Amino acid sequence: MTYTGSCHCELPDAAATEALGARLAGACGDDGLVVYLHGELGSGKTTLVRGLLHALGHAGRVRSPTYTLVEPYELGARSVYHFDLYRLADPEELEFMGIRDFLDPAALLLVEWPEKGAGWLPPAELDLSLAYADGGGRSARLAAAGARGEAVLARL
């Protein structure tokens, strides 16, 4: 995959990670987008998704869909699908769970552990990596692939 632009930011705490998610929600606009979320366990992927979903109007709890693999959200006219593929044993399981039903170009797809679904997922338009930072906190790197990802980075 070729990335055409990127940015980096420091996230000193969970509130900063949620705030980045909220900013990302605003930068996405109303367009669909495929976002891959990378990072070790506990690095803040679901925290970022929580901030994004709350900024889009979701008022309830946001849990990692580790056991269900996907959690759908209908937020007004927008469909958001939060995938957590950590427990996926074989990428072909995505076919059995009906992955094609979620691949609406107008939907926002947030995919944790996307490498576990290789070959069955659409390519990322925005690739977001979270890592532990020296001295606590996290760092985030966002990289765009394609026009939609570039537009999001430009608005971010």
Protein backbone atom coordinates (compact mmCIF):
# COMPACT_ATOMS: atom_id res chain seq x y z
CA MET A 1 0.00 0.00 0.00
CA THR A 2 1.31 3.44 -0.89
CA TYR A 3 0.79 6.22 1.62
CA THR A 4 0.63 9.73 0.27
CA GLY A 5 0.64 11.85 3.42
CA SER A 6 1.03 11.46 7.14
CA CYS A 7 1.01 13.26 10.47
CA HIS A 8 2.16 12.43 13.97
CA CYS A 9 0.95 13.57 17.39
CA GLU A 10 1.64 12.90 21.05
CA LEU A 11 -1.22 11.78 23.29
CA PRO A 12 -0.29 12.29 26.95
CA ASP A 13 -3.40 10.55 28.34
CA ALA A 14 -6.69 8.82 27.52
CA ALA A 15 -8.51 12.16 27.26
CA ALA A 16 -6.09 13.25 24.51
CA THR A 17 -6.68 9.95 22.69
CA GLU A 18 -10.46 10.46 22.86
CA ALA A 19 -9.99 14.05 21.67
CA LEU A 20 -8.05 12.81 18.64
CA GLY A 21 -10.96 10.46 17.90
CA ALA A 22 -13.37 13.40 18.11
CA ARG A 23 -11.19 15.47 15.77
CA LEU A 24 -11.05 12.52 13.38
CA ALA A 25 -14.86 12.30 13.43
CA GLY A 26 -15.07 15.94 12.38
CA ALA A 27 -12.43 15.48 9.70
CA CYS A 28 -14.24 12.49 8.17
CA GLY A 29 -17.19 14.61 7.12
CA ASP A 30 -20.11 12.61 5.76
CA ASP A 31 -18.06 10.43 3.43
CA GLY A 32 -17.36 6.78 3.99
CA LEU A 33 -13.86 5.77 4.98
CA VAL A 34 -11.89 2.64 5.80
CA VAL A 35 -9.64 3.21 8.82
CA TYR A 36 -7.15 0.60 9.98
CA LEU A 37 -6.20 0.87 13.66
CA HIS A 38 -2.86 -0.61 14.69
CA GLY A 39 -1.28 -0.91 18.11
CA GLU A 40 -0.47 -3.29 20.91
CA LEU A 41 -3.11 -4.42 23.39
CA GLY A 42 -4.06 -1.47 25.58
CA SER A 43 -2.50 1.14 23.30
CA GLY A 44 -5.75 3.10 22.97
CA LYS A 45 -7.47 1.90 19.81
CA THR A 46 -10.89 1.49 21.44
CA THR A 47 -10.40 4.71 23.41
CA LEU A 48 -9.88 6.56 20.13
CA VAL A 49 -12.98 4.90 18.64
CA ARG A 50 -14.96 5.93 21.74
CA GLY A 51 -14.02 9.58 21.18
CA LEU A 52 -14.95 9.32 17.51
CA LEU A 53 -18.33 7.69 18.17
CA HIS A 54 -19.27 10.13 20.91
CA ALA A 55 -18.38 13.04 18.61
CA LEU A 56 -20.70 11.54 15.98
CA GLY A 57 -23.56 11.47 18.50
CA HIS A 58 -23.42 8.03 20.13
CA ALA A 59 -24.40 8.48 23.77
CA GLY A 60 -23.95 4.91 25.04
CA ARG A 61 -20.98 2.84 26.09
CA VAL A 62 -18.38 1.87 23.55
CA ARG A 63 -16.86 -1.54 24.05
CA SER A 64 -14.31 -3.34 22.00
CA PRO A 65 -16.15 -5.96 19.92
CA THR A 66 -13.47 -8.54 20.70
CA TYR A 67 -15.89 -11.46 20.93
CA THR A 68 -18.57 -10.32 18.47
CA LEU A 69 -15.94 -9.09 15.93
CA VAL A 70 -18.12 -6.16 14.84
CA GLU A 71 -20.30 -3.59 16.56
CA PRO A 72 -22.61 -1.62 14.24
CA TYR A 73 -23.72 1.93 15.00
CA GLU A 74 -26.43 3.84 13.14
CA LEU A 75 -25.83 7.51 13.86
CA GLY A 76 -28.41 9.50 11.96
CA ALA A 77 -27.94 8.67 8.30
CA ARG A 78 -24.41 7.38 8.91
CA SER A 79 -23.43 3.75 9.38
CA VAL A 80 -20.31 3.08 11.44
CA TYR A 81 -18.88 -0.40 11.89
CA HIS A 82 -16.27 -1.03 14.59
CA PHE A 83 -14.36 -4.26 13.97
CA ASP A 84 -11.96 -5.91 16.41
CA LEU A 85 -10.30 -8.85 14.68
CA TYR A 86 -7.92 -9.76 17.51
CA ARG A 87 -9.57 -13.15 18.11
CA LEU A 88 -10.01 -14.00 14.43
CA ALA A 89 -8.37 -17.38 13.84
CA ASP A 90 -8.60 -17.35 10.04
CA PRO A 91 -9.36 -14.43 7.71
CA GLU A 92 -11.95 -16.59 5.92
CA GLU A 93 -14.13 -16.33 9.04
CA LEU A 94 -14.97 -12.82 7.81
CA GLU A 95 -16.83 -14.36 4.88
CA PHE A 96 -18.87 -16.55 7.24
CA MET A 97 -19.81 -13.56 9.39
CA GLY A 98 -21.06 -11.68 6.33
CA ILE A 99 -18.29 -9.12 5.85
CA ARG A 100 -19.76 -8.07 2.50
CA ASP A 101 -22.85 -6.74 4.29
CA PHE A 102 -20.66 -4.13 5.97
CA LEU A 103 -18.72 -2.95 2.92
CA ASP A 104 -20.91 0.00 2.01
CA PRO A 105 -18.73 2.75 0.44
CA ALA A 106 -20.71 5.35 2.41
CA ALA A 107 -20.01 3.64 5.75
CA LEU A 108 -17.22 4.40 8.17
CA LEU A 109 -15.28 1.19 8.88
CA LEU A 110 -12.97 1.21 11.90
CA VAL A 111 -10.86 -1.96 11.95
CA GLU A 112 -8.68 -2.97 14.89
CA TRP A 113 -6.11 -5.69 14.12
CA PRO A 114 -6.67 -5.47 10.32
CA GLU A 115 -3.71 -7.75 9.57
CA LYS A 116 -5.83 -10.64 10.88
CA GLY A 117 -8.33 -10.04 8.07
CA ALA A 118 -5.80 -9.73 5.25
CA GLY A 119 -7.24 -10.60 1.87
CA TRP A 120 -10.84 -10.12 2.98
CA LEU A 121 -10.88 -6.45 3.97
CA PRO A 122 -10.98 -3.46 1.66
CA PRO A 123 -7.70 -1.51 1.66
CA ALA A 124 -7.22 1.22 4.24
CA GLU A 125 -7.83 4.78 3.21
CA LEU A 126 -6.44 5.97 6.52
CA ASP A 127 -3.95 3.97 8.54
CA LEU A 128 -3.68 4.95 12.21
CA SER A 129 -1.01 3.50 14.49
CA LEU A 130 -0.94 4.00 18.25
CA ALA A 131 2.18 3.24 20.27
CA TYR A 132 3.33 3.58 23.83
CA ALA A 133 5.46 6.71 24.26
CA ASP A 134 8.51 7.08 26.46
CA GLY A 135 7.53 8.44 29.85
CA GLY A 136 3.87 7.42 29.55
CA GLY A 137 1.13 8.38 27.20
CA ARG A 138 0.88 7.35 23.58
CA SER A 139 1.88 8.57 20.17
CA ALA A 140 -0.26 8.40 17.06
CA ARG A 141 0.77 8.26 13.43
CA LEU A 142 -1.86 8.75 10.73
CA ALA A 143 -1.08 7.93 7.11
CA ALA A 144 -3.36 8.52 4.13
CA ALA A 145 -3.76 6.16 1.22
CA GLY A 146 -5.88 7.58 -1.58
CA ALA A 147 -7.95 10.69 -2.08
CA ARG A 148 -10.43 10.16 0.75
CA GLY A 149 -7.68 9.56 3.29
CA GLU A 150 -5.75 12.59 2.04
CA ALA A 151 -8.86 14.76 2.40
CA VAL A 152 -9.33 13.61 5.99
CA LEU A 153 -5.71 14.37 6.86
CA ALA A 154 -5.99 17.80 5.26
CA ARG A 155 -9.07 18.59 7.39
CA LEU A 156 -7.49 17.15 10.52
